[in-house]
Each structure stands twice: as structure tokens, then as C-alpha cells.
Amino acid sequence: MSETSAPAGKPDVTAFFDPETNTISYVVKDPTSDACAIIDSVMDIDYAAGRITSTHADAMIAFVRAQGLRLEWLIETHVHADHLSAAPYIQGILGGKIGIGAKITTVQETFGKIFNEGTAFERDGSQFDRLFEDGDRYTIGNLSAYTIHTPGHTPACMTHVIGDAAFVGDTLFMPDGGSARADFPGGDAGTLYDSIQKVLALPGETRLFMCHDYAPNGRPIQWETTVAEEKANNIHVGGGTSREAFIAFRTARDATLAMPRLIIPSLQVNMRAGALPPADDSGTHFLKVPINRL
């Protein structure tokens, strides 16, 4: 856990790193009130054992309680393919509204078919409390926030700009990490490049917070940078890299990548806003493994 503080208009951001999935989750606090949001929470899963636990989420809950904070939002930057969301678990304890990009309906339609969910699975985003469109505005206490639709990694990816901070999901990594893959169903390298340009058009001093870091070249885990640093030094898009060059590079690189270890459970859970598939008559939940579909 690590914390940075800033004056009014600039959120206090506390990061929680999950080493099992290399995910960074955040508590984002309005410095002028007790209001906060949680971004990209993690639920722990031992996939081989079929066991789900809440160690990571419980640490965030304990922090919110210890600081006397009031949770207003649980934000998902996108439908994660590498970890399970803890949003409904946290919501059940602390309250708040779960929000995601409105294009979740596209993701639900795609993966509803892949996992053969049938007509009982709603594909209208109704599992979430708020579906964000591009440019939507909301508040965290007295902090102003707005959304930027940044697809390419997935159709539903959103960047959330909260005060002077932007939470980019998987659109960008740290400058020495580059960018996220664009080969999942609904992904597109050219669209990802265009989305990255939207992020890089923000003021240079804007703080950028990553959803993942993989410690390239063995350096310590990092999650915060700036627009100016990304524009100058990002190894995939910095220094004026052209759209054509990025597409060629990203396409070739993606062809070498294996599927994320937890993609099968993650997608089934996260397209349901973090809920498990319905239980059978005995009360047991099951996850499906589609063969040769991903």
C-alpha cells in the first residue's frame, strides 16, 4: 500500500498492489470531505482449487474504515481478463455504486455467446449501477470527475479523470512497459492507438495511474507517472510514434502472447459486475471452460 496526498481539487490516492495478478487498485479520496471511490478492486482466487477469498478486498475495506471514509463509487475501468472484481463484495459491506463503461453491453454480448450463457444472462449492463458514456461527469464528494472512452484493449475501456489524476486501466502501462494488448475479442490495435492519443492530449502535468505493472528489467513495481513522461518516453507510443508503426508492432507482439492465466474465470465473473454465475439447486456455483474459443 502506498499513499500520495494533494490539496483540494487533487485527490488523495492510495494504491494497493496485488502481486498475484500484478494489479494496482486505488482508494481515491476527496481531500475536502470524507468521500472516496475504489477503482479496479481485486477478489482473490485459487483457480486450481476453485476457491475464492477476499484478502486484497478486506485490506481496502479496512483502510476505508480506518480513515473514516464514505464510499461513493466502485469504478471498473473495463472488464478485466486477469483478475476477478471485488466490487459487489465491497459494496455489500461499504455501499457505493458500481460503474463501468456503457460498451459493457458489447462485451456481454460477445462473451455471453462464448460462454454459452443462454437467455437468462442479461446483456444490457443492468448488473451495474451506472453505465458511463464518453464525456459523462460525476462527483466524489466535492471532486469533479469525467470519463473518456478509450477502447482498443476492450470495447468498454474508460479512462476516469478525477481532479488532476487520470486512471487509465489497461490503455497504457508505465513508460518502460508500453501499452496493453489489443487482440482480445473486440480489441483493435488502431483503436487502442487512437485512445492513447486521447489520454496523451490531457495536460502534461496530469498524474496517470496504471492498472498493472510487471516490473520490466527487474525494477521495483511502479504505478504513477504523468502525461508528459508518457509522451516523451513510452516505449510503444512515445516520441511521436506513428499510428501505422504502432499497429504493426502491437499486432506482431500480440501474436506471441499467451492468454492471461485467469481469463476464463475473470470474464465470466466481471461481465456480471463481479458476481458469480447463478448457483445450481444445491447452492454450488460453477465456472465454464469453453474449448478452443479464446
C-alpha atoms as a PDB file:
ATOM      1  CA  MET A   1       0.000   0.000   0.000  1.00  0.00           C
ATOM      2  CA  SER A   2       1.279   3.471  -0.823  1.00  0.00           C
ATOM      3  CA  GLU A   3      -0.255   6.922  -0.469  1.00  0.00           C
ATOM      4  CA  THR A   4       0.178  10.287  -2.155  1.00  0.00           C
ATOM      5  CA  SER A   5      -1.664  13.407  -0.980  1.00  0.00           C
ATOM      6  CA  ALA A   6      -2.587  16.623  -2.756  1.00  0.00           C
ATOM      7  CA  PRO A   7      -4.531  19.812  -1.993  1.00  0.00           C
ATOM      8  CA  ALA A   8      -8.213  20.443  -2.789  1.00  0.00           C
ATOM      9  CA  GLY A   9      -9.069  19.643  -6.387  1.00  0.00           C
ATOM     10  CA  LYS A  10      -6.375  16.980  -6.409  1.00  0.00           C
ATOM     11  CA  PRO A  11      -7.414  13.621  -4.998  1.00  0.00           C
ATOM     12  CA  ASP A  12      -5.544  11.747  -2.316  1.00  0.00           C
ATOM     13  CA  VAL A  13      -4.649   8.432  -3.957  1.00  0.00           C
ATOM     14  CA  THR A  14      -3.770   5.290  -2.038  1.00  0.00           C
ATOM     15  CA  ALA A  15      -2.583   2.306  -4.077  1.00  0.00           C
ATOM     16  CA  PHE A  16      -2.941  -1.386  -3.218  1.00  0.00           C
ATOM     17  CA  PHE A  17      -0.760  -3.794  -5.219  1.00  0.00           C
ATOM     18  CA  ASP A  18      -1.816  -7.415  -5.746  1.00  0.00           C
ATOM     19  CA  PRO A  19       1.309  -9.480  -6.544  1.00  0.00           C
ATOM     20  CA  GLU A  20      -0.724 -12.485  -7.705  1.00  0.00           C
ATOM     21  CA  THR A  21      -2.152 -10.571 -10.690  1.00  0.00           C
ATOM     22  CA  ASN A  22       0.158  -7.528 -10.829  1.00  0.00           C
ATOM     23  CA  THR A  23      -2.924  -5.353 -10.412  1.00  0.00           C
ATOM     24  CA  ILE A  24      -2.986  -1.971  -8.715  1.00  0.00           C
ATOM     25  CA  SER A  25      -6.272  -0.970  -7.074  1.00  0.00           C
ATOM     26  CA  TYR A  26      -6.904   2.502  -5.694  1.00  0.00           C
ATOM     27  CA  VAL A  27      -8.793   4.333  -2.988  1.00  0.00           C
ATOM     28  CA  VAL A  28      -9.344   7.848  -4.339  1.00  0.00           C
ATOM     29  CA  LYS A  29     -10.359  10.402  -1.691  1.00  0.00           C
ATOM     30  CA  ASP A  30     -11.746  13.901  -1.935  1.00  0.00           C
ATOM     31  CA  PRO A  31      -9.354  15.942   0.265  1.00  0.00           C
ATOM     32  CA  THR A  32     -12.180  18.276   1.296  1.00  0.00           C
ATOM     33  CA  SER A  33     -14.608  15.626   2.571  1.00  0.00           C
ATOM     34  CA  ASP A  34     -14.867  12.006   3.705  1.00  0.00           C
ATOM     35  CA  ALA A  35     -15.990  10.799   0.263  1.00  0.00           C
ATOM     36  CA  CYS A  36     -13.954   8.278  -1.705  1.00  0.00           C
ATOM     37  CA  ALA A  37     -14.047   5.867  -4.634  1.00  0.00           C
ATOM     38  CA  ILE A  38     -12.428   2.483  -5.134  1.00  0.00           C
ATOM     39  CA  ILE A  39     -11.034   1.750  -8.591  1.00  0.00           C
ATOM     40  CA  ASP A  40     -10.346  -1.731 -10.029  1.00  0.00           C
ATOM     41  CA  SER A  41     -10.663  -3.835  -6.887  1.00  0.00           C
ATOM     42  CA  VAL A  42      -9.436  -7.439  -6.757  1.00  0.00           C
ATOM     43  CA  MET A  43     -11.026 -10.623  -5.408  1.00  0.00           C
ATOM     44  CA  ASP A  44      -8.533 -13.435  -4.775  1.00  0.00           C
ATOM     45  CA  ILE A  45      -8.973 -16.793  -6.489  1.00  0.00           C
ATOM     46  CA  ASP A  46      -7.075 -20.068  -6.275  1.00  0.00           C
ATOM     47  CA  TYR A  47      -8.231 -21.279  -9.683  1.00  0.00           C
ATOM     48  CA  ALA A  48      -6.781 -24.773  -9.351  1.00  0.00           C
ATOM     49  CA  ALA A  49      -8.642 -25.300  -6.076  1.00  0.00           C
ATOM     50  CA  GLY A  50     -11.785 -23.442  -7.116  1.00  0.00           C
ATOM     51  CA  ARG A  51     -11.501 -21.272  -4.012  1.00  0.00           C
ATOM     52  CA  ILE A  52     -12.324 -17.554  -3.820  1.00  0.00           C
ATOM     53  CA  THR A  53     -11.160 -15.420  -0.882  1.00  0.00           C
ATOM     54  CA  SER A  54     -11.112 -11.718  -0.034  1.00  0.00           C
ATOM     55  CA  THR A  55      -7.695 -10.840   1.443  1.00  0.00           C
ATOM     56  CA  HIS A  56      -6.999  -7.995  -1.001  1.00  0.00           C
ATOM     57  CA  ALA A  57     -10.519  -6.567  -0.777  1.00  0.00           C
ATOM     58  CA  ASP A  58     -10.510  -6.806   3.016  1.00  0.00           C
ATOM     59  CA  ALA A  59      -7.340  -4.707   3.163  1.00  0.00           C
ATOM     60  CA  MET A  60      -9.068  -1.959   1.171  1.00  0.00           C
ATOM     61  CA  ILE A  61     -12.176  -2.178   3.352  1.00  0.00           C
ATOM     62  CA  ALA A  62     -10.035  -1.926   6.495  1.00  0.00           C
ATOM     63  CA  PHE A  63      -8.298   1.163   5.104  1.00  0.00           C
ATOM     64  CA  VAL A  64     -11.581   2.890   4.227  1.00  0.00           C
ATOM     65  CA  ARG A  65     -12.937   2.188   7.696  1.00  0.00           C
ATOM     66  CA  ALA A  66      -9.745   3.217   9.493  1.00  0.00           C
ATOM     67  CA  GLN A  67      -9.727   6.543   7.667  1.00  0.00           C
ATOM     68  CA  GLY A  68     -13.406   7.145   8.410  1.00  0.00           C
ATOM     69  CA  LEU A  69     -14.242   7.377   4.713  1.00  0.00           C
ATOM     70  CA  ARG A  70     -17.579   7.122   2.956  1.00  0.00           C
ATOM     71  CA  LEU A  71     -17.505   5.021  -0.232  1.00  0.00           C
ATOM     72  CA  GLU A  72     -19.488   6.585  -3.071  1.00  0.00           C
ATOM     73  CA  TRP A  73     -18.217   4.717  -6.138  1.00  0.00           C
ATOM     74  CA  LEU A  74     -16.736   1.371  -7.161  1.00  0.00           C
ATOM     75  CA  ILE A  75     -15.278   2.027 -10.597  1.00  0.00           C
ATOM     76  CA  GLU A  76     -14.274  -0.645 -13.091  1.00  0.00           C
ATOM     77  CA  THR A  77     -12.093   0.798 -15.861  1.00  0.00           C
ATOM     78  CA  HIS A  78     -13.006  -2.217 -18.034  1.00  0.00           C
ATOM     79  CA  VAL A  79     -13.933  -5.907 -17.918  1.00  0.00           C
ATOM     80  CA  HIS A  80     -10.674  -7.309 -16.603  1.00  0.00           C
ATOM     81  CA  ALA A  81      -9.311 -10.535 -18.079  1.00  0.00           C
ATOM     82  CA  ASP A  82      -6.655 -11.151 -15.431  1.00  0.00           C
ATOM     83  CA  HIS A  83      -8.406 -10.792 -12.082  1.00  0.00           C
ATOM     84  CA  LEU A  84     -11.839 -11.025 -10.506  1.00  0.00           C
ATOM     85  CA  SER A  85     -13.525  -7.817  -9.389  1.00  0.00           C
ATOM     86  CA  ALA A  86     -14.342  -7.468  -5.694  1.00  0.00           C
ATOM     87  CA  ALA A  87     -16.866  -4.685  -6.356  1.00  0.00           C
ATOM     88  CA  PRO A  88     -20.037  -6.471  -5.168  1.00  0.00           C
ATOM     89  CA  TYR A  89     -18.262  -7.864  -2.108  1.00  0.00           C
ATOM     90  CA  ILE A  90     -17.049  -4.403  -1.099  1.00  0.00           C
ATOM     91  CA  GLN A  91     -20.393  -2.829  -1.954  1.00  0.00           C
ATOM     92  CA  GLY A  92     -22.154  -5.266   0.355  1.00  0.00           C
ATOM     93  CA  ILE A  93     -20.022  -4.009   3.253  1.00  0.00           C
ATOM     94  CA  LEU A  94     -19.372  -0.334   2.478  1.00  0.00           C
ATOM     95  CA  GLY A  95     -22.085   0.636  -0.020  1.00  0.00           C
ATOM     96  CA  GLY A  96     -21.387   2.748  -3.097  1.00  0.00           C
ATOM     97  CA  LYS A  97     -22.402   2.438  -6.741  1.00  0.00           C
ATOM     98  CA  ILE A  98     -20.674   0.142  -9.246  1.00  0.00           C
ATOM     99  CA  GLY A  99     -19.883   1.849 -12.555  1.00  0.00           C
ATOM    100  CA  ILE A 100     -18.387   0.764 -15.883  1.00  0.00           C
ATOM    101  CA  GLY A 101     -18.327   1.949 -19.486  1.00  0.00           C
ATOM    102  CA  ALA A 102     -21.604   1.667 -21.402  1.00  0.00           C
ATOM    103  CA  LYS A 103     -19.991  -0.576 -24.011  1.00  0.00           C
ATOM    104  CA  ILE A 104     -20.106  -3.347 -21.420  1.00  0.00           C
ATOM    105  CA  THR A 105     -23.145  -4.463 -23.403  1.00  0.00           C
ATOM    106  CA  THR A 106     -20.873  -5.250 -26.356  1.00  0.00           C
ATOM    107  CA  VAL A 107     -18.571  -7.276 -24.087  1.00  0.00           C
ATOM    108  CA  GLN A 108     -21.545  -9.100 -22.568  1.00  0.00           C
ATOM    109  CA  GLU A 109     -22.896  -9.985 -25.988  1.00  0.00           C
ATOM    110  CA  THR A 110     -19.524 -11.311 -27.162  1.00  0.00           C
ATOM    111  CA  PHE A 111     -18.679 -13.368 -24.094  1.00  0.00           C
ATOM    112  CA  GLY A 112     -22.245 -14.373 -23.385  1.00  0.00           C
ATOM    113  CA  LYS A 113     -22.001 -16.351 -26.622  1.00  0.00           C
ATOM    114  CA  ILE A 114     -18.505 -17.682 -25.926  1.00  0.00           C
ATOM    115  CA  PHE A 115     -19.585 -18.995 -22.513  1.00  0.00           C
ATOM    116  CA  ASN A 116     -22.974 -20.174 -23.813  1.00  0.00           C
ATOM    117  CA  GLU A 117     -24.818 -18.229 -21.123  1.00  0.00           C
ATOM    118  CA  GLY A 118     -28.270 -18.517 -22.695  1.00  0.00           C
ATOM    119  CA  THR A 119     -31.132 -16.061 -22.405  1.00  0.00           C
ATOM    120  CA  ALA A 120     -31.043 -15.882 -18.592  1.00  0.00           C
ATOM    121  CA  PHE A 121     -27.870 -13.801 -18.752  1.00  0.00           C
ATOM    122  CA  GLU A 122     -28.833 -10.147 -19.225  1.00  0.00           C
ATOM    123  CA  ARG A 123     -26.715  -8.371 -21.834  1.00  0.00           C
ATOM    124  CA  ASP A 124     -27.953  -4.846 -21.110  1.00  0.00           C
ATOM    125  CA  GLY A 125     -25.470  -3.844 -18.402  1.00  0.00           C
ATOM    126  CA  SER A 126     -28.188  -3.995 -15.756  1.00  0.00           C
ATOM    127  CA  GLN A 127     -25.814  -5.757 -13.334  1.00  0.00           C
ATOM    128  CA  PHE A 128     -24.087  -2.381 -12.856  1.00  0.00           C
ATOM    129  CA  ASP A 129     -25.438   0.731 -11.127  1.00  0.00           C
ATOM    130  CA  ARG A 130     -24.080   3.220 -13.676  1.00  0.00           C
ATOM    131  CA  LEU A 131     -23.054   2.860 -17.307  1.00  0.00           C
ATOM    132  CA  PHE A 132     -20.709   5.660 -18.306  1.00  0.00           C
ATOM    133  CA  GLU A 133     -20.781   7.215 -21.768  1.00  0.00           C
ATOM    134  CA  ASP A 134     -17.880   9.194 -23.225  1.00  0.00           C
ATOM    135  CA  GLY A 135     -17.712  12.582 -21.508  1.00  0.00           C
ATOM    136  CA  ASP A 136     -20.036  11.727 -18.625  1.00  0.00           C
ATOM    137  CA  ARG A 137     -19.443  13.689 -15.437  1.00  0.00           C
ATOM    138  CA  TYR A 138     -19.860  12.638 -11.828  1.00  0.00           C
ATOM    139  CA  THR A 139     -18.552  13.666  -8.416  1.00  0.00           C
ATOM    140  CA  ILE A 140     -16.711  12.104  -5.490  1.00  0.00           C
ATOM    141  CA  GLY A 141     -17.653  14.412  -2.655  1.00  0.00           C
ATOM    142  CA  ASN A 142     -16.578  17.821  -3.977  1.00  0.00           C
ATOM    143  CA  LEU A 143     -14.203  16.365  -6.576  1.00  0.00           C
ATOM    144  CA  SER A 144     -15.233  16.642 -10.196  1.00  0.00           C
ATOM    145  CA  ALA A 145     -14.676  13.588 -12.386  1.00  0.00           C
ATOM    146  CA  TYR A 146     -15.361  12.731 -16.014  1.00  0.00           C
ATOM    147  CA  THR A 147     -14.913   9.796 -18.351  1.00  0.00           C
ATOM    148  CA  ILE A 148     -13.065   9.313 -21.631  1.00  0.00           C
ATOM    149  CA  HIS A 149     -13.994   6.298 -23.755  1.00  0.00           C
ATOM    150  CA  THR A 150     -10.641   4.645 -24.535  1.00  0.00           C
ATOM    151  CA  PRO A 151     -11.374   1.357 -26.354  1.00  0.00           C
ATOM    152  CA  GLY A 152      -8.870  -0.858 -28.138  1.00  0.00           C
ATOM    153  CA  HIS A 153      -7.880  -3.215 -25.352  1.00  0.00           C
ATOM    154  CA  THR A 154     -11.598  -3.920 -24.884  1.00  0.00           C
ATOM    155  CA  PRO A 155     -14.666  -2.099 -26.259  1.00  0.00           C
ATOM    156  CA  ALA A 156     -15.728  -0.928 -22.780  1.00  0.00           C
ATOM    157  CA  CYS A 157     -12.446   0.613 -21.598  1.00  0.00           C
ATOM    158  CA  MET A 158     -12.806   4.011 -19.938  1.00  0.00           C
ATOM    159  CA  THR A 159     -10.270   6.450 -18.530  1.00  0.00           C
ATOM    160  CA  HIS A 160     -11.545   8.251 -15.431  1.00  0.00           C
ATOM    161  CA  VAL A 161     -10.190  11.764 -14.928  1.00  0.00           C
ATOM    162  CA  ILE A 162     -10.607  12.771 -11.286  1.00  0.00           C
ATOM    163  CA  GLY A 163      -9.204  16.193 -10.464  1.00  0.00           C
ATOM    164  CA  ASP A 164      -5.604  16.222 -11.698  1.00  0.00           C
ATOM    165  CA  ALA A 165      -5.423  12.416 -11.853  1.00  0.00           C
ATOM    166  CA  ALA A 166      -6.405  10.003 -14.611  1.00  0.00           C
ATOM    167  CA  PHE A 167      -6.951   6.284 -14.068  1.00  0.00           C
ATOM    168  CA  VAL A 168      -6.194   4.657 -17.415  1.00  0.00           C
ATOM    169  CA  GLY A 169      -6.972   0.986 -16.824  1.00  0.00           C
ATOM    170  CA  ASP A 170      -5.050  -1.135 -19.326  1.00  0.00           C
ATOM    171  CA  THR A 171      -4.817   1.547 -22.030  1.00  0.00           C
ATOM    172  CA  LEU A 172      -1.263   2.446 -21.011  1.00  0.00           C
ATOM    173  CA  PHE A 173       1.465   0.993 -18.820  1.00  0.00           C
ATOM    174  CA  MET A 174       4.398   2.828 -17.255  1.00  0.00           C
ATOM    175  CA  PRO A 175       6.700   4.392 -19.881  1.00  0.00           C
ATOM    176  CA  ASP A 176       9.071   1.401 -19.812  1.00  0.00           C
ATOM    177  CA  GLY A 177       6.094  -1.001 -20.024  1.00  0.00           C
ATOM    178  CA  GLY A 178       4.431   0.427 -23.106  1.00  0.00           C
ATOM    179  CA  SER A 179       0.820  -0.470 -23.813  1.00  0.00           C
ATOM    180  CA  ALA A 180      -1.703  -3.253 -23.333  1.00  0.00           C
ATOM    181  CA  ARG A 181      -2.529  -5.982 -25.821  1.00  0.00           C
ATOM    182  CA  ALA A 182      -5.302  -5.439 -28.373  1.00  0.00           C
ATOM    183  CA  ASP A 183      -6.055  -8.987 -29.531  1.00  0.00           C
ATOM    184  CA  PHE A 184      -8.934  -9.951 -27.244  1.00  0.00           C
ATOM    185  CA  PRO A 185     -12.374 -10.274 -28.902  1.00  0.00           C
ATOM    186  CA  GLY A 186     -13.461  -6.713 -29.625  1.00  0.00           C
ATOM    187  CA  GLY A 187      -9.931  -5.330 -29.328  1.00  0.00           C
ATOM    188  CA  ASP A 188      -8.144  -3.415 -32.091  1.00  0.00           C
ATOM    189  CA  ALA A 189      -4.605  -2.003 -32.273  1.00  0.00           C
ATOM    190  CA  GLY A 190      -5.550   1.053 -34.320  1.00  0.00           C
ATOM    191  CA  THR A 191      -8.390   1.887 -31.954  1.00  0.00           C
ATOM    192  CA  LEU A 192      -6.023   1.486 -28.997  1.00  0.00           C
ATOM    193  CA  TYR A 193      -3.565   3.931 -30.573  1.00  0.00           C
ATOM    194  CA  ASP A 194      -6.345   6.480 -31.040  1.00  0.00           C
ATOM    195  CA  SER A 195      -7.424   6.030 -27.434  1.00  0.00           C
ATOM    196  CA  ILE A 196      -3.886   6.519 -26.175  1.00  0.00           C
ATOM    197  CA  GLN A 197      -3.752   9.819 -28.060  1.00  0.00           C
ATOM    198  CA  LYS A 198      -6.838  10.968 -26.123  1.00  0.00           C
ATOM    199  CA  VAL A 199      -5.001  10.295 -22.865  1.00  0.00           C
ATOM    200  CA  LEU A 200      -1.845  11.997 -24.094  1.00  0.00           C
ATOM    201  CA  ALA A 201      -3.895  15.076 -25.037  1.00  0.00           C
ATOM    202  CA  LEU A 202      -4.540  15.764 -21.346  1.00  0.00           C
ATOM    203  CA  PRO A 203      -2.367  18.438 -19.698  1.00  0.00           C
ATOM    204  CA  GLY A 204       1.224  17.302 -19.337  1.00  0.00           C
ATOM    205  CA  GLU A 205       1.181  17.532 -15.557  1.00  0.00           C
ATOM    206  CA  THR A 206      -1.826  15.202 -15.260  1.00  0.00           C
ATOM    207  CA  ARG A 207      -0.977  12.294 -12.975  1.00  0.00           C
ATOM    208  CA  LEU A 208      -1.591   8.924 -14.631  1.00  0.00           C
ATOM    209  CA  PHE A 209      -2.320   5.830 -12.568  1.00  0.00           C
ATOM    210  CA  MET A 210      -1.833   2.373 -14.083  1.00  0.00           C
ATOM    211  CA  CYS A 211      -3.968  -0.739 -13.503  1.00  0.00           C
ATOM    212  CA  HIS A 212      -0.987  -3.105 -13.926  1.00  0.00           C
ATOM    213  CA  ASP A 213       2.782  -3.137 -13.676  1.00  0.00           C
ATOM    214  CA  TYR A 214       5.100  -6.050 -14.442  1.00  0.00           C
ATOM    215  CA  ALA A 215       8.416  -4.560 -13.251  1.00  0.00           C
ATOM    216  CA  PRO A 216      10.282  -4.678 -16.594  1.00  0.00           C
ATOM    217  CA  ASN A 217      14.026  -5.300 -16.287  1.00  0.00           C
ATOM    218  CA  GLY A 218      13.570  -6.125 -12.614  1.00  0.00           C
ATOM    219  CA  ARG A 219      12.886  -2.603 -11.385  1.00  0.00           C
ATOM    220  CA  PRO A 220      10.555  -2.040  -8.389  1.00  0.00           C
ATOM    221  CA  ILE A 221       6.794  -2.036  -9.043  1.00  0.00           C
ATOM    222  CA  GLN A 222       5.528   1.397 -10.125  1.00  0.00           C
ATOM    223  CA  TRP A 223       2.084   2.763 -10.933  1.00  0.00           C
ATOM    224  CA  GLU A 224       2.205   6.559 -11.172  1.00  0.00           C
ATOM    225  CA  THR A 225       3.572   8.713 -13.977  1.00  0.00           C
ATOM    226  CA  THR A 226       2.470  11.819 -15.934  1.00  0.00           C
ATOM    227  CA  VAL A 227       1.177  12.587 -19.385  1.00  0.00           C
ATOM    228  CA  ALA A 228       4.413  14.440 -20.183  1.00  0.00           C
ATOM    229  CA  GLU A 229       6.530  11.441 -19.178  1.00  0.00           C
ATOM    230  CA  GLU A 230       4.435   9.060 -21.278  1.00  0.00           C
ATOM    231  CA  LYS A 231       4.551  11.338 -24.331  1.00  0.00           C
ATOM    232  CA  ALA A 232       8.312  11.608 -24.132  1.00  0.00           C
ATOM    233  CA  ASN A 233       9.354   8.144 -23.030  1.00  0.00           C
ATOM    234  CA  ASN A 234       6.702   5.462 -23.553  1.00  0.00           C
ATOM    235  CA  ILE A 235       8.466   2.666 -25.424  1.00  0.00           C
ATOM    236  CA  HIS A 236       5.431   1.911 -27.622  1.00  0.00           C
ATOM    237  CA  VAL A 237       3.887   5.324 -28.328  1.00  0.00           C
ATOM    238  CA  GLY A 238       6.303   7.966 -27.057  1.00  0.00           C
ATOM    239  CA  GLY A 239       8.313  10.375 -29.173  1.00  0.00           C
ATOM    240  CA  GLY A 240       5.679  10.695 -31.879  1.00  0.00           C
ATOM    241  CA  THR A 241       5.329   7.026 -32.878  1.00  0.00           C
ATOM    242  CA  SER A 242       3.018   6.822 -35.901  1.00  0.00           C
ATOM    243  CA  ARG A 243      -0.284   5.001 -35.920  1.00  0.00           C
ATOM    244  CA  GLU A 244       0.959   2.623 -38.632  1.00  0.00           C
ATOM    245  CA  ALA A 245       4.128   1.752 -36.733  1.00  0.00           C
ATOM    246  CA  PHE A 246       2.171   1.130 -33.548  1.00  0.00           C
ATOM    247  CA  ILE A 247      -0.341  -1.134 -35.297  1.00  0.00           C
ATOM    248  CA  ALA A 248       2.437  -3.183 -36.885  1.00  0.00           C
ATOM    249  CA  PHE A 249       4.316  -3.523 -33.611  1.00  0.00           C
ATOM    250  CA  ARG A 250       1.252  -4.242 -31.453  1.00  0.00           C
ATOM    251  CA  THR A 251      -0.132  -6.833 -33.875  1.00  0.00           C
ATOM    252  CA  ALA A 252       3.169  -8.703 -34.107  1.00  0.00           C
ATOM    253  CA  ARG A 253       3.709  -8.611 -30.355  1.00  0.00           C
ATOM    254  CA  ASP A 254       0.183  -9.758 -29.518  1.00  0.00           C
ATOM    255  CA  ALA A 255       0.613 -12.802 -31.743  1.00  0.00           C
ATOM    256  CA  THR A 256       3.337 -14.029 -29.349  1.00  0.00           C
ATOM    257  CA  LEU A 257       1.366 -13.609 -26.116  1.00  0.00           C
ATOM    258  CA  ALA A 258      -0.371 -16.396 -24.218  1.00  0.00           C
ATOM    259  CA  MET A 259      -3.835 -15.901 -22.768  1.00  0.00           C
ATOM    260  CA  PRO A 260      -3.875 -14.461 -19.220  1.00  0.00           C
ATOM    261  CA  ARG A 261      -3.835 -17.184 -16.561  1.00  0.00           C
ATOM    262  CA  LEU A 262      -7.192 -16.154 -15.088  1.00  0.00           C
ATOM    263  CA  ILE A 263      -9.026 -15.062 -18.234  1.00  0.00           C
ATOM    264  CA  ILE A 264     -11.691 -17.806 -18.076  1.00  0.00           C
ATOM    265  CA  PRO A 265     -12.930 -17.146 -14.531  1.00  0.00           C
ATOM    266  CA  SER A 266     -12.336 -13.409 -14.785  1.00  0.00           C
ATOM    267  CA  LEU A 267     -14.514 -12.787 -17.815  1.00  0.00           C
ATOM    268  CA  GLN A 268     -17.408 -14.875 -16.535  1.00  0.00           C
ATOM    269  CA  VAL A 269     -17.409 -13.010 -13.227  1.00  0.00           C
ATOM    270  CA  ASN A 270     -16.533  -9.482 -14.353  1.00  0.00           C
ATOM    271  CA  MET A 271     -19.129  -9.273 -17.119  1.00  0.00           C
ATOM    272  CA  ARG A 272     -21.601  -9.831 -14.256  1.00  0.00           C
ATOM    273  CA  ALA A 273     -20.212  -6.850 -12.282  1.00  0.00           C
ATOM    274  CA  GLY A 274     -18.142  -9.197 -10.128  1.00  0.00           C
ATOM    275  CA  ALA A 275     -20.898 -11.683  -9.319  1.00  0.00           C
ATOM    276  CA  LEU A 276     -20.519 -15.429  -9.740  1.00  0.00           C
ATOM    277  CA  PRO A 277     -22.713 -17.283 -12.247  1.00  0.00           C
ATOM    278  CA  PRO A 278     -26.008 -18.416 -10.700  1.00  0.00           C
ATOM    279  CA  ALA A 279     -25.776 -21.366  -8.318  1.00  0.00           C
ATOM    280  CA  ASP A 280     -27.343 -24.731  -9.099  1.00  0.00           C
ATOM    281  CA  ASP A 281     -30.074 -26.332  -6.980  1.00  0.00           C
ATOM    282  CA  SER A 282     -27.511 -27.377  -4.373  1.00  0.00           C
ATOM    283  CA  GLY A 283     -26.236 -23.819  -3.990  1.00  0.00           C
ATOM    284  CA  THR A 284     -22.936 -24.505  -5.769  1.00  0.00           C
ATOM    285  CA  HIS A 285     -21.501 -22.072  -8.310  1.00  0.00           C
ATOM    286  CA  PHE A 286     -19.685 -23.345 -11.397  1.00  0.00           C
ATOM    287  CA  LEU A 287     -17.441 -21.745 -14.000  1.00  0.00           C
ATOM    288  CA  LYS A 288     -17.339 -22.965 -17.600  1.00  0.00           C
ATOM    289  CA  VAL A 289     -14.249 -23.683 -19.688  1.00  0.00           C
ATOM    290  CA  PRO A 290     -15.048 -23.132 -23.378  1.00  0.00           C
ATOM    291  CA  ILE A 291     -12.809 -25.280 -25.555  1.00  0.00           C
ATOM    292  CA  ASN A 292     -10.942 -23.593 -28.446  1.00  0.00           C
ATOM    293  CA  ARG A 293     -12.942 -20.362 -28.181  1.00  0.00           C
ATOM    294  CA  LEU A 294     -10.299 -17.952 -26.860  1.00  0.00           C
END
